[in-house]
Structures are given as C-alpha cells and as structure tokens.
Amino acid sequence: MDTQPWSRPVQFGTEGGAVRILTSTEEASYYLQNDWPADIGPKFIEAQRTCLDVLAGIGGPDDARAAFLEACKEAEIDVVP
C-alpha cells in the first residue's frame, strides 16, 4: 500500500465553509468514498479508481493527486492554489 504524501497538499473549501487539507492518496480515497459533497461524475469515478490503483502500488501519489484535482474541478469545488 502506497501511503507516501503528495508532493503538495490539496486545500479546498467544504460546503459548510470550512477548509479541508488532504496530503495523501489514502486521505483522498477516504474523502471520495465517505465525504464527497457532489454528484458522481466520470472524473469522480476516475479519481476513485486512480486512488485505489495507487494504494495497490500501481502509479504514483501524484497520479492520485492529479485525478483528485480533476474530480474537484468537475464538481466545482474551489481548490486553493
């Protein structure tokens, strides 16, 4: 299981106005499965798949980070640069 931190954390706003910071594929996978606030779309599904692949040792942490960012974009979740 690859639990290495991402090269850069992802910081974004939640529906309640709080700020959330994710630093790893493991955290992103949990968030996608349990706390995702938006409708499910193709980028969301791809992000879930990519996170699970990375956790299984296929691909690297930044592949999961990139997929998570695409899912955020699709869901119109504001990511802090």
C-alpha atoms as a PDB file:
ATOM      1  CA  MET A   1       0.000   0.000   0.000  1.00  0.00           C
ATOM      2  CA  ASP A   2       1.452   3.342  -1.084  1.00  0.00           C
ATOM      3  CA  THR A   3       0.820   5.913   1.657  1.00  0.00           C
ATOM      4  CA  GLN A   4       3.504   8.394   0.638  1.00  0.00           C
ATOM      5  CA  PRO A   5       2.480  12.044   0.944  1.00  0.00           C
ATOM      6  CA  TRP A   6       1.707  14.042  -2.162  1.00  0.00           C
ATOM      7  CA  SER A   7       4.312  16.498  -3.452  1.00  0.00           C
ATOM      8  CA  ARG A   8       1.883  19.277  -2.446  1.00  0.00           C
ATOM      9  CA  PRO A   9      -1.248  19.113  -0.277  1.00  0.00           C
ATOM     10  CA  VAL A  10      -4.642  19.953  -1.755  1.00  0.00           C
ATOM     11  CA  GLN A  11      -6.601  22.604   0.126  1.00  0.00           C
ATOM     12  CA  PHE A  12     -10.260  23.233  -0.681  1.00  0.00           C
ATOM     13  CA  GLY A  13     -13.429  24.661   0.773  1.00  0.00           C
ATOM     14  CA  THR A  14     -16.242  22.443   2.033  1.00  0.00           C
ATOM     15  CA  GLU A  15     -19.988  23.033   1.822  1.00  0.00           C
ATOM     16  CA  GLY A  16     -20.052  24.238   5.422  1.00  0.00           C
ATOM     17  CA  GLY A  17     -17.443  26.902   4.701  1.00  0.00           C
ATOM     18  CA  ALA A  18     -14.587  25.076   6.397  1.00  0.00           C
ATOM     19  CA  VAL A  19     -11.226  24.463   4.753  1.00  0.00           C
ATOM     20  CA  ARG A  20     -10.051  20.896   4.254  1.00  0.00           C
ATOM     21  CA  ILE A  21      -6.470  19.863   3.502  1.00  0.00           C
ATOM     22  CA  LEU A  22      -5.585  16.454   2.075  1.00  0.00           C
ATOM     23  CA  THR A  23      -1.972  15.334   1.948  1.00  0.00           C
ATOM     24  CA  SER A  24      -2.046  11.766   0.622  1.00  0.00           C
ATOM     25  CA  THR A  25      -3.787   9.269  -1.614  1.00  0.00           C
ATOM     26  CA  GLU A  26      -5.113   7.465   1.440  1.00  0.00           C
ATOM     27  CA  GLU A  27      -6.814  10.649   2.681  1.00  0.00           C
ATOM     28  CA  ALA A  28      -8.211  11.433  -0.775  1.00  0.00           C
ATOM     29  CA  SER A  29      -9.573   7.922  -1.200  1.00  0.00           C
ATOM     30  CA  TYR A  30     -11.351   8.144   2.149  1.00  0.00           C
ATOM     31  CA  TYR A  31     -12.769  11.573   1.298  1.00  0.00           C
ATOM     32  CA  LEU A  32     -14.032  10.385  -2.092  1.00  0.00           C
ATOM     33  CA  GLN A  33     -15.722   7.354  -0.573  1.00  0.00           C
ATOM     34  CA  ASN A  34     -17.190   8.967   2.541  1.00  0.00           C
ATOM     35  CA  ASP A  35     -17.444  12.743   2.318  1.00  0.00           C
ATOM     36  CA  TRP A  36     -17.752  13.689  -1.363  1.00  0.00           C
ATOM     37  CA  PRO A  37     -20.336  16.509  -1.472  1.00  0.00           C
ATOM     38  CA  ALA A  38     -21.187  16.494  -5.174  1.00  0.00           C
ATOM     39  CA  ASP A  39     -22.939  14.334  -7.707  1.00  0.00           C
ATOM     40  CA  ILE A  40     -20.906  11.463  -9.068  1.00  0.00           C
ATOM     41  CA  GLY A  41     -19.383  12.115 -12.482  1.00  0.00           C
ATOM     42  CA  PRO A  42     -16.755  10.500 -14.696  1.00  0.00           C
ATOM     43  CA  LYS A  43     -13.839  12.392 -13.114  1.00  0.00           C
ATOM     44  CA  PHE A  44     -15.027  11.347  -9.653  1.00  0.00           C
ATOM     45  CA  ILE A  45     -15.088   7.706 -10.750  1.00  0.00           C
ATOM     46  CA  GLU A  46     -11.651   8.056 -12.336  1.00  0.00           C
ATOM     47  CA  ALA A  47     -10.275   9.651  -9.157  1.00  0.00           C
ATOM     48  CA  GLN A  48     -11.609   6.779  -7.050  1.00  0.00           C
ATOM     49  CA  ARG A  49     -10.094   4.241  -9.437  1.00  0.00           C
ATOM     50  CA  THR A  50      -6.757   6.050  -9.554  1.00  0.00           C
ATOM     51  CA  CYS A  51      -6.552   6.344  -5.769  1.00  0.00           C
ATOM     52  CA  LEU A  52      -7.256   2.639  -5.344  1.00  0.00           C
ATOM     53  CA  ASP A  53      -4.667   1.789  -8.008  1.00  0.00           C
ATOM     54  CA  VAL A  54      -2.021   3.934  -6.304  1.00  0.00           C
ATOM     55  CA  LEU A  55      -2.826   2.394  -2.933  1.00  0.00           C
ATOM     56  CA  ALA A  56      -2.331  -1.002  -4.598  1.00  0.00           C
ATOM     57  CA  GLY A  57       1.070   0.080  -5.915  1.00  0.00           C
ATOM     58  CA  ILE A  58       0.043   0.973  -9.474  1.00  0.00           C
ATOM     59  CA  GLY A  59       1.109   4.520 -10.291  1.00  0.00           C
ATOM     60  CA  GLY A  60       2.452   7.197  -8.004  1.00  0.00           C
ATOM     61  CA  PRO A  61       0.992   9.543  -5.418  1.00  0.00           C
ATOM     62  CA  ASP A  62       0.924  12.493  -7.782  1.00  0.00           C
ATOM     63  CA  ASP A  63      -1.231  10.493 -10.229  1.00  0.00           C
ATOM     64  CA  ALA A  64      -3.849  10.296  -7.493  1.00  0.00           C
ATOM     65  CA  ARG A  65      -3.419  13.971  -6.650  1.00  0.00           C
ATOM     66  CA  ALA A  66      -3.971  14.976 -10.275  1.00  0.00           C
ATOM     67  CA  ALA A  67      -7.061  12.768 -10.557  1.00  0.00           C
ATOM     68  CA  PHE A  68      -8.453  14.200  -7.321  1.00  0.00           C
ATOM     69  CA  LEU A  69      -7.961  17.748  -8.617  1.00  0.00           C
ATOM     70  CA  GLU A  70      -9.817  16.849 -11.821  1.00  0.00           C
ATOM     71  CA  ALA A  71     -12.712  15.481  -9.753  1.00  0.00           C
ATOM     72  CA  CYS A  72     -12.783  18.736  -7.770  1.00  0.00           C
ATOM     73  CA  LYS A  73     -12.866  20.727 -10.980  1.00  0.00           C
ATOM     74  CA  GLU A  74     -15.722  18.595 -12.318  1.00  0.00           C
ATOM     75  CA  ALA A  75     -17.678  19.091  -9.072  1.00  0.00           C
ATOM     76  CA  GLU A  76     -16.897  22.835  -8.997  1.00  0.00           C
ATOM     77  CA  ILE A  77     -15.144  22.505  -5.643  1.00  0.00           C
ATOM     78  CA  ASP A  78     -12.954  25.542  -5.012  1.00  0.00           C
ATOM     79  CA  VAL A  79      -9.342  24.441  -4.609  1.00  0.00           C
ATOM     80  CA  VAL A  80      -6.880  26.893  -3.067  1.00  0.00           C
ATOM     81  CA  PRO A  81      -3.801  27.140  -5.311  1.00  0.00           C
END
